[in-house]
C-alpha cells in the first residue's frame, strides 16, 4: 500500500504560504494549534499525525471542503446503482 501523506504534506506546505506568506513554521503551527515539530511532521507526511490535525490546517486555510473528497469513489459505467 502506498503512503500518500508525503504528497499531502507538500501540498500543505505550499498551501500555507498562500494566505500567510510571512508565517514561518512556528507562526502557522500556532494558528492550527500544534507544536512546530508536529507541523514539521505534517509537512513530511508522518503517519503518526492524526487526520484531525490535517483537517484543522485545512479549516484555517479555507480548504476543509476538499476533505469530503478523500473517501469518494468515482462511479463507473459498470457500477450497479442499487449497491452504491
Protein backbone atom coordinates (compact mmCIF):
# COMPACT_ATOMS: atom_id res chain seq x y z
CA UNK A 1 0.00 0.00 0.00
CA UNK A 2 1.38 3.41 -0.98
CA UNK A 3 1.71 6.18 1.61
CA UNK A 4 0.33 9.37 0.02
CA UNK A 5 0.88 11.53 3.09
CA UNK A 6 4.22 12.94 1.86
CA UNK A 7 2.32 14.41 -1.11
CA UNK A 8 -0.31 15.79 1.27
CA UNK A 9 2.48 17.30 3.34
CA UNK A 10 3.95 19.04 0.29
CA UNK A 11 0.52 20.41 -0.57
CA UNK A 12 0.09 21.68 2.98
CA UNK A 13 3.48 23.42 2.89
CA UNK A 14 2.57 25.11 -0.40
CA UNK A 15 -0.99 25.99 0.69
CA UNK A 16 0.02 27.60 3.98
CA UNK A 17 2.29 30.03 2.16
CA UNK A 18 -0.58 31.38 0.05
CA UNK A 19 -2.74 33.17 2.64
CA UNK A 20 0.06 33.56 5.21
CA UNK A 21 3.25 34.29 3.23
CA UNK A 22 5.04 35.76 6.24
CA UNK A 23 4.30 32.84 8.55
CA UNK A 24 7.16 30.53 9.34
CA UNK A 25 6.60 27.09 10.79
CA UNK A 26 6.19 28.39 14.34
CA UNK A 27 3.60 31.02 13.40
CA UNK A 28 1.47 28.69 11.31
CA UNK A 29 1.73 25.97 13.94
CA UNK A 30 0.21 28.42 16.44
CA UNK A 31 -2.64 29.16 14.02
CA UNK A 32 -3.61 25.50 13.81
CA UNK A 33 -2.92 24.69 17.45
CA UNK A 34 0.01 22.30 17.12
CA UNK A 35 3.68 22.45 18.02
CA UNK A 36 6.28 23.44 15.47
CA UNK A 37 7.62 19.88 15.47
CA UNK A 38 4.13 18.48 14.76
CA UNK A 39 3.75 20.83 11.80
CA UNK A 40 7.15 19.68 10.54
CA UNK A 41 5.92 16.08 10.77
CA UNK A 42 2.74 17.03 8.92
CA UNK A 43 4.70 18.63 6.10
CA UNK A 44 6.81 15.46 5.81
CA UNK A 45 3.73 13.23 5.73
CA UNK A 46 4.48 11.50 9.02
CA UNK A 47 1.93 8.76 9.67
CA UNK A 48 1.92 9.48 13.42
CA UNK A 49 0.00 12.75 12.96
CA UNK A 50 -3.78 12.41 13.22
CA UNK A 51 -6.05 13.28 10.34
CA UNK A 52 -7.74 15.77 12.64
CA UNK A 53 -4.61 17.89 12.62
CA UNK A 54 -4.61 17.99 8.84
CA UNK A 55 -8.30 18.85 8.88
CA UNK A 56 -7.67 21.74 11.29
CA UNK A 57 -4.98 23.08 8.96
CA UNK A 58 -7.40 22.78 6.05
CA UNK A 59 -10.02 24.72 8.03
CA UNK A 60 -7.60 27.56 8.74
CA UNK A 61 -6.67 27.62 5.06
CA UNK A 62 -10.32 27.56 3.94
CA UNK A 63 -9.86 24.14 2.31
CA UNK A 64 -11.96 21.94 4.60
CA UNK A 65 -14.41 21.13 1.78
CA UNK A 66 -11.67 19.22 -0.01
CA UNK A 67 -11.64 16.62 2.78
CA UNK A 68 -15.05 15.39 1.72
CA UNK A 69 -13.47 14.10 -1.48
CA UNK A 70 -10.84 11.97 0.26
CA UNK A 71 -13.03 8.90 0.56
CA UNK A 72 -15.17 9.35 -2.52
CA UNK A 73 -15.19 6.71 -5.21
CA UNK A 74 -15.93 7.76 -8.75
CA UNK A 75 -18.82 5.84 -10.23
CA UNK A 76 -18.16 3.66 -13.20
CA UNK A 77 -20.49 2.78 -16.04
CA UNK A 78 -20.33 -0.74 -14.69
CA UNK A 79 -21.44 0.09 -11.14
CA UNK A 80 -24.83 -1.16 -10.07
CA UNK A 81 -26.65 1.92 -8.68
CA UNK A 82 -28.54 -0.33 -6.28
CA UNK A 83 -25.30 -1.24 -4.46
CA UNK A 84 -23.66 2.18 -4.36
